[in-house]
N, C-alpha and C. Protein backbone atom coordinates (compact mmCIF):
# COMPACT_ATOMS: atom_id res chain seq x y z
N UNK A 1 0.83 -1.55 0.57
CA UNK A 1 -0.19 -0.18 0.26
C UNK A 1 0.74 1.30 -0.19
N UNK A 2 0.49 2.17 -1.58
CA UNK A 2 1.46 3.69 -1.16
C UNK A 2 1.50 4.35 0.28
N UNK A 3 2.25 4.91 1.14
CA UNK A 3 2.66 5.95 1.38
C UNK A 3 1.58 6.84 1.38
N UNK A 4 0.59 7.95 1.73
CA UNK A 4 0.27 9.42 0.97
C UNK A 4 0.23 10.13 2.65
N UNK A 5 -0.36 11.43 2.00
CA UNK A 5 -0.28 12.13 3.62
C UNK A 5 -1.57 11.49 4.49
N UNK A 6 -2.41 11.17 4.04
CA UNK A 6 -3.14 11.29 5.05
C UNK A 6 -3.77 9.78 6.30
N UNK A 7 -2.63 8.67 4.80
CA UNK A 7 -2.86 7.58 5.93
C UNK A 7 -1.25 7.70 7.09
N UNK A 8 -0.67 9.09 6.07
CA UNK A 8 1.05 8.87 6.94
C UNK A 8 0.99 8.98 8.56
N UNK A 9 1.64 8.25 9.49
CA UNK A 9 1.48 8.06 11.07
C UNK A 9 2.97 9.48 11.30
N UNK A 10 1.87 10.37 11.53
CA UNK A 10 2.46 11.71 12.32
C UNK A 10 3.30 11.64 13.30
N UNK A 11 2.78 11.19 14.46
CA UNK A 11 2.73 11.01 15.67
C UNK A 11 3.66 9.81 16.20
N UNK A 12 5.24 9.67 16.16
CA UNK A 12 6.45 8.77 16.59
C UNK A 12 6.08 7.43 15.19
N UNK A 13 6.94 8.72 14.13
CA UNK A 13 6.47 7.90 13.21
C UNK A 13 7.00 6.33 12.83
N UNK A 14 8.22 5.96 13.98
CA UNK A 14 9.06 4.87 13.72
C UNK A 14 7.85 3.44 14.01
N UNK A 15 6.42 4.32 14.89
CA UNK A 15 5.25 3.04 15.15
C UNK A 15 4.38 2.45 14.08
N UNK A 16 4.74 3.41 12.88
CA UNK A 16 3.68 3.29 11.82
C UNK A 16 4.42 2.85 10.91
N UNK A 17 3.56 1.45 10.86
CA UNK A 17 3.77 0.62 9.50
C UNK A 17 2.58 0.27 8.09
N UNK A 18 3.24 0.16 7.03
CA UNK A 18 1.94 0.39 5.69
C UNK A 18 2.64 -0.72 4.69
N UNK A 19 2.51 -2.24 5.63
CA UNK A 19 2.77 -3.44 4.17
C UNK A 19 1.57 -3.39 4.40
N UNK A 20 1.13 -4.30 3.22
CA UNK A 20 -0.27 -4.94 4.27
C UNK A 20 -0.54 -6.04 5.15
N UNK A 21 0.04 -7.22 4.96
CA UNK A 21 0.49 -8.06 5.81
C UNK A 21 0.12 -7.29 7.37
N UNK A 22 0.36 -6.48 8.08
CA UNK A 22 0.59 -6.01 9.43
C UNK A 22 -0.84 -5.48 9.11
N UNK A 23 -1.21 -4.65 8.18
CA UNK A 23 -2.97 -4.05 8.05
C UNK A 23 -3.60 -4.60 8.21
N UNK A 24 -3.54 -6.03 7.71
CA UNK A 24 -4.54 -7.07 7.14
C UNK A 24 -4.86 -8.19 8.51
N UNK A 25 -3.60 -8.43 8.95
CA UNK A 25 -3.24 -8.85 10.76
C UNK A 25 -4.11 -8.24 11.55
N UNK A 26 -4.09 -7.49 11.61
CA UNK A 26 -4.84 -6.73 12.98
C UNK A 26 -6.04 -6.38 12.41
N UNK A 27 -6.77 -6.13 11.24
CA UNK A 27 -7.91 -6.45 10.87
C UNK A 27 -8.74 -7.46 11.42
N UNK A 28 -7.82 -8.77 11.31
CA UNK A 28 -9.03 -10.18 11.50
C UNK A 28 -8.52 -10.32 12.34
N UNK A 29 -7.51 -9.64 13.41
CA UNK A 29 -7.66 -10.17 14.40
C UNK A 29 -8.97 -9.16 15.47
N UNK A 30 -9.52 -8.33 15.07
CA UNK A 30 -10.33 -7.34 15.87
C UNK A 30 -11.90 -7.52 14.84
N UNK A 31 -12.96 -7.41 15.29
CA UNK A 31 -14.23 -7.79 14.81
C UNK A 31 -15.09 -5.96 15.07
N UNK A 32 -14.69 -4.90 15.70
CA UNK A 32 -15.71 -3.94 15.34
C UNK A 32 -14.26 -3.03 15.00
N UNK A 33 -14.78 -2.08 14.83
CA UNK A 33 -14.80 -0.94 14.06
C UNK A 33 -15.34 0.34 14.31
N UNK A 34 -14.29 1.59 14.50
CA UNK A 34 -15.37 2.92 14.92
C UNK A 34 -15.30 3.25 13.25
N UNK A 35 -16.36 3.35 12.26
CA UNK A 35 -16.65 3.77 11.41
C UNK A 35 -16.81 5.56 11.85
N UNK A 36 -16.05 6.48 10.54
CA UNK A 36 -16.37 8.16 10.70
C UNK A 36 -16.63 8.46 9.48
N UNK A 37 -18.03 9.53 9.57
CA UNK A 37 -18.15 10.51 8.04
C UNK A 37 -18.78 11.16 8.64
N UNK A 38 -19.40 12.57 7.98
CA UNK A 38 -20.02 13.50 8.12
C UNK A 38 -21.38 13.24 7.52
N UNK A 39 -22.06 13.48 8.21
CA UNK A 39 -23.38 14.06 6.91
C UNK A 39 -24.06 15.53 5.86
N UNK A 40 -24.89 14.80 5.25
CA UNK A 40 -24.82 16.36 4.10
C UNK A 40 -24.55 17.76 4.60
N UNK A 41 -25.04 18.53 6.28
CA UNK A 41 -24.93 19.55 6.71
C UNK A 41 -23.08 19.23 7.48
N UNK A 42 -22.80 18.67 7.11
CA UNK A 42 -21.21 18.55 7.96
C UNK A 42 -21.43 18.21 9.00
N UNK A 43 -22.41 17.26 10.09
CA UNK A 43 -22.07 17.51 11.38
C UNK A 43 -21.44 15.61 11.38
N UNK A 44 -20.49 16.40 12.07
CA UNK A 44 -19.54 14.71 12.03
C UNK A 44 -20.06 13.28 12.55
N UNK A 45 -20.05 12.04 12.66
CA UNK A 45 -20.29 11.66 13.31
C UNK A 45 -19.30 10.02 13.60
N UNK A 46 -19.39 9.00 14.71
CA UNK A 46 -18.63 8.20 14.55
C UNK A 46 -19.25 6.84 15.64
N UNK A 47 -19.39 5.67 14.90
CA UNK A 47 -19.98 4.49 15.16
C UNK A 47 -20.34 3.78 14.92
N UNK A 48 -19.49 2.51 16.36
CA UNK A 48 -18.93 1.01 16.13
C UNK A 48 -19.89 0.62 15.67
N UNK A 49 -19.33 -0.34 14.81
CA UNK A 49 -19.54 -1.29 13.57
C UNK A 49 -19.24 -3.10 13.78
N UNK A 50 -19.90 -3.56 13.62
CA UNK A 50 -18.92 -5.14 13.40
C UNK A 50 -18.47 -4.91 11.62
N UNK A 51 -17.39 -5.55 11.48
CA UNK A 51 -16.76 -5.75 9.62
C UNK A 51 -16.40 -7.15 9.75
N UNK A 52 -16.16 -7.25 8.64
CA UNK A 52 -15.50 -8.12 7.90
C UNK A 52 -14.51 -7.87 6.40
N UNK A 53 -13.10 -8.81 7.07
CA UNK A 53 -12.48 -8.11 5.45
C UNK A 53 -12.24 -9.20 4.44
N UNK A 54 -12.61 -8.70 3.39
CA UNK A 54 -12.60 -10.29 2.29
C UNK A 54 -11.37 -8.82 0.86
N UNK A 55 -9.99 -9.14 1.05
CA UNK A 55 -8.60 -8.54 -0.09
C UNK A 55 -8.86 -7.47 0.54
N UNK A 56 -8.95 -6.24 0.03
CA UNK A 56 -8.63 -4.49 0.17
C UNK A 56 -9.89 -4.25 0.49
N UNK A 57 -11.45 -4.78 0.79
CA UNK A 57 -12.54 -4.65 0.95
C UNK A 57 -12.40 -5.06 2.67
N UNK A 58 -13.42 -4.04 3.11
CA UNK A 58 -14.16 -4.49 4.39
C UNK A 58 -15.17 -4.64 4.29
N UNK A 59 -16.52 -5.54 5.47
CA UNK A 59 -17.67 -5.39 4.78
C UNK A 59 -18.72 -4.64 5.89
N UNK A 60 -19.53 -3.88 5.46
CA UNK A 60 -20.47 -3.42 6.92
C UNK A 60 -22.10 -3.77 6.61
N UNK A 61 -22.45 -4.06 7.26
CA UNK A 61 -23.83 -4.27 8.00
C UNK A 61 -24.57 -3.81 8.94
N UNK A 62 -25.83 -3.23 8.18
CA UNK A 62 -26.96 -2.56 9.07
C UNK A 62 -28.51 -2.52 9.14
N UNK A 63 -29.24 -2.40 9.72
CA UNK A 63 -30.41 -2.00 9.03
C UNK A 63 -30.53 -1.22 8.12
N UNK A 64 -31.92 -0.90 7.21
CA UNK A 64 -31.88 -0.46 6.24
C UNK A 64 -31.96 0.77 5.78
N UNK A 65 -32.45 1.43 7.62
CA UNK A 65 -33.02 2.17 8.29
C UNK A 65 -31.69 3.12 8.69
N UNK A 66 -30.89 3.21 8.31
CA UNK A 66 -29.42 2.89 9.01
C UNK A 66 -29.11 4.52 8.99
N UNK A 67 -28.23 5.67 9.41
CA UNK A 67 -28.21 6.76 8.40
C UNK A 67 -26.04 6.64 7.79
N UNK A 68 -26.45 5.41 8.60
CA UNK A 68 -24.52 5.84 8.68
C UNK A 68 -24.39 4.68 7.20
N UNK A 69 -25.59 3.73 7.00
CA UNK A 69 -25.35 2.83 5.85
C UNK A 69 -26.04 4.12 4.11
N UNK A 70 -26.94 4.45 4.49
CA UNK A 70 -27.47 5.38 3.74
C UNK A 70 -26.11 6.91 4.00
N UNK A 71 -25.69 6.99 4.12
CA UNK A 71 -24.40 7.95 4.12
C UNK A 71 -23.30 7.90 3.55
N UNK A 72 -22.59 6.86 4.27
CA UNK A 72 -22.02 6.52 4.02
C UNK A 72 -21.79 5.36 2.33
N UNK A 73 -22.87 4.56 2.32
CA UNK A 73 -22.87 4.29 1.62
C UNK A 73 -23.35 4.71 0.17
N UNK A 74 -23.26 6.04 -0.25
CA UNK A 74 -24.04 7.17 -0.84
C UNK A 74 -22.72 7.69 -2.20
N UNK A 75 -21.34 6.89 -1.43
CA UNK A 75 -19.71 6.99 -2.04
C UNK A 75 -19.10 7.99 -0.93
N UNK A 76 -19.59 8.53 -0.04
CA UNK A 76 -18.85 9.13 0.44
C UNK A 76 -17.03 9.30 1.28
N UNK A 77 -15.96 10.06 1.24
CA UNK A 77 -14.95 10.01 2.40
C UNK A 77 -15.68 9.36 3.55
N UNK A 78 -15.00 8.01 3.55
CA UNK A 78 -15.43 7.94 4.73
C UNK A 78 -13.68 7.46 5.80
N UNK A 79 -14.05 7.22 7.00
CA UNK A 79 -12.98 6.44 8.01
C UNK A 79 -13.64 5.14 8.58
N UNK A 80 -12.21 4.75 9.01
CA UNK A 80 -12.93 3.58 9.86
C UNK A 80 -11.51 3.40 10.71
N UNK A 81 -11.07 3.09 11.99
CA UNK A 81 -10.04 2.34 13.18
C UNK A 81 -10.76 1.47 13.84
N UNK A 82 -9.28 -0.02 13.81
CA UNK A 82 -10.01 -0.78 14.78
C UNK A 82 -8.92 -0.69 15.78
N UNK A 83 -8.62 -1.05 16.56
CA UNK A 83 -8.12 -1.22 17.49
C UNK A 83 -7.58 -2.06 18.63
N UNK A 84 -6.36 -2.96 18.78
CA UNK A 84 -6.67 -3.59 19.98
C UNK A 84 -6.39 -3.54 21.31
N UNK A 85 -6.17 -3.58 21.84
CA UNK A 85 -4.72 -3.37 23.39
C UNK A 85 -3.90 -4.43 24.02
N UNK A 86 -2.77 -4.37 24.01
CA UNK A 86 -2.24 -6.10 24.65
C UNK A 86 -1.94 -5.40 25.73
N UNK A 87 -1.58 -4.19 26.09
CA UNK A 87 -1.10 -4.29 27.65
C UNK A 87 -1.46 -2.63 28.44
N UNK A 88 -0.66 -2.41 30.23
CA UNK A 88 -1.07 -1.66 30.24
C UNK A 88 0.74 -1.06 30.82
N UNK A 89 0.78 0.08 30.06
CA UNK A 89 2.56 0.63 30.32
C UNK A 89 2.43 1.14 31.36
N UNK A 90 3.77 0.81 33.12
CA UNK A 90 3.01 1.33 33.96
C UNK A 90 4.75 2.24 34.39
N UNK A 91 4.97 3.27 34.02
CA UNK A 91 6.27 4.25 34.34
C UNK A 91 6.02 4.61 35.64
N UNK A 92 7.04 5.23 35.86
CA UNK A 92 7.69 5.78 37.32
C UNK A 92 7.01 7.04 37.54
N UNK A 93 7.11 7.63 36.46
CA UNK A 93 5.87 8.91 35.84
C UNK A 93 4.66 8.50 35.52
N UNK A 94 3.97 9.55 35.52
CA UNK A 94 2.63 9.80 35.22
C UNK A 94 3.06 10.39 34.05
N UNK A 95 3.26 11.07 33.03
CA UNK A 95 3.89 11.52 31.81
C UNK A 95 4.11 10.02 30.82
N UNK A 96 5.01 8.80 31.60
CA UNK A 96 5.70 7.90 30.51
C UNK A 96 4.40 7.02 30.87
N UNK A 97 3.36 7.63 31.62
CA UNK A 97 2.16 5.93 31.31
C UNK A 97 1.68 5.65 29.98
N UNK A 98 1.81 4.66 29.45
CA UNK A 98 0.79 4.26 28.10
C UNK A 98 0.08 2.78 28.23
N UNK A 99 0.00 2.64 27.16
CA UNK A 99 -0.65 1.27 26.87
C UNK A 99 -0.11 0.42 25.49
N UNK A 100 0.18 -0.46 25.67
CA UNK A 100 0.42 -1.70 23.98
C UNK A 100 -0.52 -1.81 23.19
N UNK A 101 -0.21 -1.75 22.29
CA UNK A 101 -1.55 -1.38 21.14
C UNK A 101 -1.18 -2.37 19.46
N UNK A 102 -1.86 -1.99 19.15
CA UNK A 102 -1.59 -2.50 17.60
C UNK A 102 -2.99 -1.74 17.02
N UNK A 103 -3.21 -0.92 16.12
CA UNK A 103 -4.88 -0.60 15.22
C UNK A 103 -3.79 -0.03 14.08
N UNK A 104 -4.91 0.27 13.48
CA UNK A 104 -5.59 0.59 11.79
C UNK A 104 -5.97 0.97 11.75
N UNK A 105 -6.15 2.38 11.30
CA UNK A 105 -6.63 3.21 10.43
C UNK A 105 -6.96 3.63 8.42
N UNK A 106 -8.16 2.92 8.20
CA UNK A 106 -8.07 3.09 6.74
C UNK A 106 -8.93 4.30 6.62
N UNK A 107 -8.83 4.50 5.57
CA UNK A 107 -9.84 5.44 4.05
C UNK A 107 -9.99 5.47 2.78
N UNK A 108 -12.11 5.55 3.01
CA UNK A 108 -11.90 4.89 1.57
C UNK A 108 -13.61 5.90 1.30
N UNK A 109 -14.12 4.39 0.24
CA UNK A 109 -15.31 4.96 0.11
C UNK A 109 -16.05 3.46 0.28
N UNK A 110 -17.09 4.08 0.18
CA UNK A 110 -17.83 2.24 0.02
C UNK A 110 -19.28 2.81 -0.84
N UNK A 111 -20.33 1.03 -1.36
CA UNK A 111 -20.93 1.10 -2.28
C UNK A 111 -21.52 -0.11 -2.17
N UNK A 112 -22.76 0.10 -1.82
CA UNK A 112 -23.86 -0.80 -1.25
C UNK A 112 -23.94 -2.05 -2.20
N UNK A 113 -23.68 -3.13 -1.83
CA UNK A 113 -24.23 -4.87 -1.50
C UNK A 113 -25.06 -5.05 -2.45
N UNK A 114 -25.96 -5.25 -3.84
CA UNK A 114 -28.00 -5.66 -3.62
C UNK A 114 -28.02 -6.88 -4.13
N UNK A 115 -26.93 -7.79 -4.95
CA UNK A 115 -27.45 -9.29 -5.09
C UNK A 115 -27.49 -9.78 -4.44
N UNK A 116 -29.24 -10.67 -3.32
CA UNK A 116 -29.32 -11.25 -2.82
C UNK A 116 -28.35 -13.02 -2.57
N UNK A 117 -27.61 -13.52 -2.96
CA UNK A 117 -27.11 -14.38 -3.61
C UNK A 117 -25.75 -13.60 -2.31
N UNK A 118 -25.27 -12.55 -3.09
CA UNK A 118 -23.71 -12.16 -2.98
C UNK A 118 -24.55 -11.81 -1.19
N UNK A 119 -24.80 -10.75 -0.65
CA UNK A 119 -25.50 -10.47 0.28
C UNK A 119 -25.35 -11.70 1.42
N UNK A 120 -26.14 -13.38 0.75
CA UNK A 120 -26.97 -13.79 2.07
C UNK A 120 -25.00 -14.36 1.88
N UNK A 121 -24.07 -14.36 0.38
CA UNK A 121 -22.72 -15.78 1.15
C UNK A 121 -22.04 -14.59 2.43
N UNK A 122 -21.63 -13.23 1.98
CA UNK A 122 -21.19 -11.93 2.80
C UNK A 122 -21.62 -12.15 4.59
N UNK A 123 -22.78 -12.17 4.63
CA UNK A 123 -23.55 -11.95 5.42
C UNK A 123 -23.39 -13.78 6.99
N UNK A 124 -22.94 -15.08 5.78
CA UNK A 124 -22.50 -15.50 6.59
C UNK A 124 -20.63 -15.86 6.35
N UNK A 125 -20.28 -15.19 5.68
CA UNK A 125 -18.61 -14.12 6.18
C UNK A 125 -18.65 -13.58 7.60
N UNK A 126 -19.67 -12.23 7.46
CA UNK A 126 -19.76 -11.57 8.99
C UNK A 126 -19.68 -12.97 10.69
N UNK A 127 -20.33 -14.31 9.94
CA UNK A 127 -20.58 -15.02 11.01
C UNK A 127 -20.12 -15.69 11.47
N UNK A 128 -19.04 -15.82 10.36
CA UNK A 128 -17.23 -16.80 10.25
C UNK A 128 -16.99 -15.99 10.70
N UNK A 129 -17.00 -15.13 11.37
CA UNK A 129 -15.41 -13.37 11.34
C UNK A 129 -15.56 -13.29 12.77
N UNK A 130 -16.70 -13.20 13.03
CA UNK A 130 -16.58 -13.26 14.93
C UNK A 130 -16.79 -15.32 15.50
N UNK A 131 -16.70 -16.28 14.59
CA UNK A 131 -16.52 -17.42 15.43
C UNK A 131 -16.02 -18.32 14.25
N UNK A 132 -15.50 -18.41 13.79
CA UNK A 132 -15.53 -19.26 12.20
C UNK A 132 -15.76 -20.94 12.81
N UNK A 133 -16.32 -21.18 11.14
CA UNK A 133 -17.04 -22.40 11.74
C UNK A 133 -19.01 -22.32 11.58
N UNK A 134 -19.37 -21.13 12.26
CA UNK A 134 -20.03 -20.99 12.97
C UNK A 134 -21.51 -20.87 11.79
N UNK A 135 -20.78 -20.45 10.72
CA UNK A 135 -21.92 -20.10 9.76
C UNK A 135 -22.72 -21.14 9.25
N UNK A 136 -22.52 -22.61 9.02
CA UNK A 136 -22.31 -23.57 8.21
C UNK A 136 -23.19 -24.34 9.39
N UNK A 137 -23.16 -23.79 10.56
CA UNK A 137 -24.19 -24.72 11.66
C UNK A 137 -25.75 -23.79 12.44
N UNK A 138 -25.49 -22.48 11.43
CA UNK A 138 -26.85 -21.30 12.14
C UNK A 138 -27.54 -21.48 10.42
N UNK A 139 -28.27 -21.36 10.64
CA UNK A 139 -29.68 -20.85 9.92
C UNK A 139 -28.91 -19.88 9.20
N UNK A 140 -28.62 -19.81 7.49
CA UNK A 140 -29.07 -18.72 6.49
C UNK A 140 -29.67 -18.05 6.25
N UNK A 141 -29.60 -16.01 6.55
CA UNK A 141 -30.65 -15.44 6.03
C UNK A 141 -31.03 -15.62 4.40
N UNK A 142 -32.92 -15.48 5.25
CA UNK A 142 -34.39 -15.61 4.52
C UNK A 142 -33.83 -13.99 3.79
N UNK A 143 -35.05 -14.86 2.95
CA UNK A 143 -35.43 -13.52 1.85
C UNK A 143 -35.69 -12.06 2.63
N UNK A 144 -36.81 -11.77 3.54
CA UNK A 144 -37.23 -11.15 4.37
C UNK A 144 -35.99 -10.11 4.85
N UNK A 145 -34.61 -11.08 5.80
CA UNK A 145 -34.08 -10.87 6.86
C UNK A 145 -32.99 -9.92 5.59
N UNK A 146 -32.79 -10.40 4.23
CA UNK A 146 -31.81 -9.98 2.94
C UNK A 146 -32.54 -8.83 3.11
N UNK A 147 -33.82 -7.78 2.27
CA UNK A 147 -34.76 -7.03 2.63
C UNK A 147 -34.14 -6.15 2.99
N UNK A 148 -34.30 -6.60 4.66
CA UNK A 148 -34.32 -5.29 5.83
C UNK A 148 -32.87 -5.44 6.42
N UNK A 149 -31.69 -5.75 5.64
CA UNK A 149 -30.15 -5.64 5.85
C UNK A 149 -29.24 -5.15 4.97
N UNK A 150 -29.06 -3.69 5.23
CA UNK A 150 -28.27 -3.29 3.65
C UNK A 150 -26.86 -3.82 4.47
N UNK A 151 -25.65 -4.13 3.31
CA UNK A 151 -24.28 -4.01 3.47
C UNK A 151 -23.60 -3.33 2.66
N UNK A 152 -22.59 -3.04 2.98
CA UNK A 152 -21.89 -2.23 2.58
C UNK A 152 -20.21 -2.58 1.72
N UNK A 153 -19.75 -2.46 0.64
CA UNK A 153 -18.74 -2.25 0.42
C UNK A 153 -17.55 -1.70 0.72
N UNK A 154 -16.73 -1.05 1.62
CA UNK A 154 -16.17 -0.47 1.71
C UNK A 154 -14.38 -1.01 0.81
N UNK A 155 -14.66 0.11 0.35
CA UNK A 155 -12.95 -0.10 -0.93
C UNK A 155 -12.03 0.74 0.15
N UNK A 156 -10.83 -0.20 0.53
CA UNK A 156 -9.55 0.61 1.31
C UNK A 156 -8.45 0.69 0.46
N UNK A 157 -8.96 2.34 0.21
CA UNK A 157 -7.79 2.81 -0.76
C UNK A 157 -6.32 4.01 -0.10
N UNK A 158 -6.73 4.21 1.34
CA UNK A 158 -5.55 4.32 1.66
C UNK A 158 -5.32 3.28 3.33
N UNK A 159 -4.07 2.98 3.91
CA UNK A 159 -4.40 2.59 5.25
C UNK A 159 -2.99 3.12 6.03
N UNK A 160 -2.88 2.53 7.41
CA UNK A 160 -1.47 2.89 8.08
C UNK A 160 -1.59 1.90 9.60
N UNK A 161 -0.71 0.87 9.86
CA UNK A 161 -1.43 0.74 10.73
C UNK A 161 -0.53 1.09 12.24
N UNK A 162 -0.91 1.47 13.45
CA UNK A 162 0.66 2.60 14.59
C UNK A 162 0.51 0.88 15.62
N UNK A 163 1.42 0.74 16.55
CA UNK A 163 2.22 -0.17 17.16
C UNK A 163 2.75 -0.18 18.13
N UNK A 164 2.38 0.39 19.50
CA UNK A 164 3.35 0.24 20.23
C UNK A 164 3.35 -0.89 21.03
N UNK A 165 4.79 -0.91 21.76
CA UNK A 165 5.26 -2.71 21.98
C UNK A 165 6.50 -2.38 23.16
N UNK A 166 6.72 -3.11 24.16
CA UNK A 166 7.27 -3.41 25.15
C UNK A 166 7.12 -2.56 26.16
N UNK A 167 8.07 -1.62 27.44
CA UNK A 167 7.90 -1.13 28.27
C UNK A 167 8.63 0.39 28.12
N UNK A 168 7.68 0.77 29.17
CA UNK A 168 7.44 1.88 29.77
C UNK A 168 9.46 2.65 29.21
N UNK A 169 9.32 4.26 29.15
CA UNK A 169 10.08 4.96 28.60
C UNK A 169 10.65 5.83 29.14
N UNK A 170 10.60 5.43 30.68
CA UNK A 170 11.01 6.38 31.70
C UNK A 170 12.18 7.66 31.54
N UNK A 171 12.31 8.56 32.09
CA UNK A 171 13.44 9.58 32.17
C UNK A 171 14.26 9.20 32.65
N UNK A 172 15.77 9.19 32.40
CA UNK A 172 17.58 8.38 33.01
C UNK A 172 17.26 8.95 34.23
N UNK A 173 16.80 9.82 34.75
CA UNK A 173 16.89 10.76 35.48
C UNK A 173 15.81 10.14 36.94
N UNK A 174 14.63 9.98 36.28
CA UNK A 174 14.04 8.43 37.38
C UNK A 174 14.30 7.02 37.50
N UNK A 175 15.03 6.81 36.98
CA UNK A 175 15.48 5.94 36.66
C UNK A 175 15.97 4.81 38.55
N UNK A 176 16.07 6.40 39.24
CA UNK A 176 17.33 5.11 40.83
C UNK A 176 15.51 5.66 41.49
N UNK A 177 14.24 6.28 41.06
CA UNK A 177 13.21 6.10 42.16
C UNK A 177 12.62 4.98 42.76
N UNK A 178 11.96 5.04 43.76
CA UNK A 178 11.71 3.38 44.08
C UNK A 178 10.51 3.14 44.08
N UNK A 179 9.63 3.55 43.02
CA UNK A 179 8.49 3.26 42.01
C UNK A 179 8.97 2.00 41.55
N UNK A 180 7.83 1.37 41.41
CA UNK A 180 7.54 -0.04 40.41
C UNK A 180 6.70 0.85 39.15
N UNK A 181 7.96 -0.17 38.07
CA UNK A 181 7.09 0.09 36.62
C UNK A 181 7.30 -1.41 35.93
N UNK A 182 6.92 -0.97 34.61
CA UNK A 182 7.04 -2.73 33.91
C UNK A 182 4.96 -2.74 33.22
N UNK A 183 5.12 -3.43 32.19
CA UNK A 183 3.39 -4.08 31.74
C UNK A 183 3.13 -4.81 32.27
N UNK A 184 1.42 -4.32 32.08
CA UNK A 184 0.40 -5.48 32.65
C UNK A 184 -0.47 -6.09 31.93
N UNK A 185 -0.02 -7.36 30.50
CA UNK A 185 -1.10 -7.83 29.59
C UNK A 185 -2.20 -8.19 29.42
N UNK A 186 -3.00 -7.52 28.81
CA UNK A 186 -4.04 -7.92 28.70
C UNK A 186 -4.25 -8.53 27.62
N UNK A 187 -4.84 -9.70 27.76
CA UNK A 187 -5.49 -10.51 26.43
C UNK A 187 -6.96 -11.36 26.72
N UNK A 188 -7.68 -11.25 26.69
CA UNK A 188 -8.94 -11.36 26.21
C UNK A 188 -9.21 -13.08 25.81
N UNK A 189 -10.30 -13.98 26.72
CA UNK A 189 -10.28 -15.24 26.77
C UNK A 189 -11.93 -15.37 26.74
N UNK A 190 -12.18 -16.60 26.14
CA UNK A 190 -13.79 -16.99 26.14
C UNK A 190 -13.88 -17.45 27.39
N UNK A 191 -15.35 -17.87 27.83
CA UNK A 191 -15.74 -18.32 29.69
C UNK A 191 -16.08 -19.57 28.70
N UNK A 192 -16.79 -19.99 30.21
CA UNK A 192 -17.75 -21.08 29.21
C UNK A 192 -18.81 -20.84 28.29
N UNK A 193 -19.31 -21.05 28.01
CA UNK A 193 -20.93 -21.35 27.61
C UNK A 193 -21.96 -21.21 28.32
N UNK A 194 -22.78 -20.60 27.58
CA UNK A 194 -24.54 -20.07 28.25
C UNK A 194 -25.26 -20.63 27.00
N UNK A 195 -26.08 -21.52 27.41
CA UNK A 195 -27.01 -21.83 26.67
C UNK A 195 -28.40 -20.69 27.04
N UNK A 196 -28.66 -20.50 25.49
CA UNK A 196 -30.11 -19.70 25.58
C UNK A 196 -30.81 -19.92 26.61
N UNK A 197 -31.94 -19.30 27.01
CA UNK A 197 -33.19 -19.48 27.53
C UNK A 197 -33.54 -20.62 27.02
N UNK A 198 -34.50 -20.79 26.05
CA UNK A 198 -35.16 -20.76 25.63
C UNK A 198 -34.25 -22.02 23.73
N UNK A 199 -33.01 -22.28 24.74
CA UNK A 199 -32.22 -22.84 23.79
C UNK A 199 -33.07 -24.68 23.66
N UNK A 200 -32.70 -25.69 22.49
CA UNK A 200 -33.78 -26.78 21.84
C UNK A 200 -33.11 -27.83 23.27
N UNK A 201 -34.25 -27.90 23.61
CA UNK A 201 -33.68 -29.20 24.63
C UNK A 201 -32.48 -30.13 23.54
N UNK A 202 -31.84 -31.06 24.38
CA UNK A 202 -30.74 -32.06 23.93
C UNK A 202 -29.41 -31.66 23.46
N UNK A 203 -29.53 -30.27 22.36
CA UNK A 203 -28.78 -30.24 21.23
C UNK A 203 -27.37 -29.48 21.58
N UNK A 204 -26.17 -30.03 21.93
CA UNK A 204 -24.79 -29.93 22.42
C UNK A 204 -24.25 -28.67 21.62
N UNK A 205 -23.47 -28.29 22.59
CA UNK A 205 -22.97 -26.85 22.16
C UNK A 205 -21.92 -27.86 21.41
N UNK A 206 -21.76 -26.47 19.88
CA UNK A 206 -20.84 -26.95 17.96
C UNK A 206 -19.96 -26.97 18.68
N UNK A 207 -19.26 -27.38 17.37
CA UNK A 207 -17.55 -28.15 17.46
C UNK A 207 -16.80 -26.28 17.24
N UNK A 208 -17.68 -25.18 16.68
CA UNK A 208 -17.21 -24.07 16.85
C UNK A 208 -17.01 -23.63 17.95
N UNK A 209 -17.26 -23.54 18.63
CA UNK A 209 -17.67 -23.02 20.60
C UNK A 209 -16.60 -23.68 20.99
N UNK A 210 -16.75 -25.07 21.28
CA UNK A 210 -15.67 -26.08 21.46
C UNK A 210 -14.13 -26.15 21.35
N UNK A 211 -13.75 -25.16 19.59
CA UNK A 211 -13.01 -24.85 20.05
C UNK A 211 -12.42 -24.10 20.51
N UNK A 212 -12.99 -23.29 20.96
CA UNK A 212 -13.04 -21.70 21.92
C UNK A 212 -11.91 -22.04 23.34
N UNK A 213 -12.81 -23.48 23.64
CA UNK A 213 -12.24 -24.12 24.97
C UNK A 213 -11.10 -24.69 24.43
N UNK A 214 -10.06 -25.13 23.96
CA UNK A 214 -9.81 -25.55 24.29
C UNK A 214 -8.52 -25.65 24.28
């Protein structure tokens, strides 16, 4: 991906990454993007959205009545941000406290996906993006659900990743202060699954869920 002005990391540029494997890896490790756009009157909005990535596109879905889906789907310039937090960085001074993170900012435009069979296939991809293998275990979207759902193909025109890792960057003058410093790692985990209140009797926990517990 070419480096251009709007996706250039300005603050601590050495943390910036512009290669597709790094950007795709972060996008594929998350599932929620904060999508930014401005309406016709210039009012800015930022809305969290589930997404799925295919190649150089993000797919966004929502209600046909959604302001985001209508506005972004008109082809205006938009932006999306994804962030993964990996740890608390605790320094000796307040100033140098931070977090370890991996983030991606993407810029581009979107278009509606209207073909029913394509929409159904991409919605299945959404389900598998949340939990690999789950789409084959559940019922596919029917005609009415497809009509009620708006789907956007967001073309990634430019993107950048920014990554912080490692320990705190204390000032040398603080090195002898009797204050603990270091990193507290943060990791998500999956807990024991809880069946729905109206779960079908006798149906076992599916393979897609069991794989999370291995």
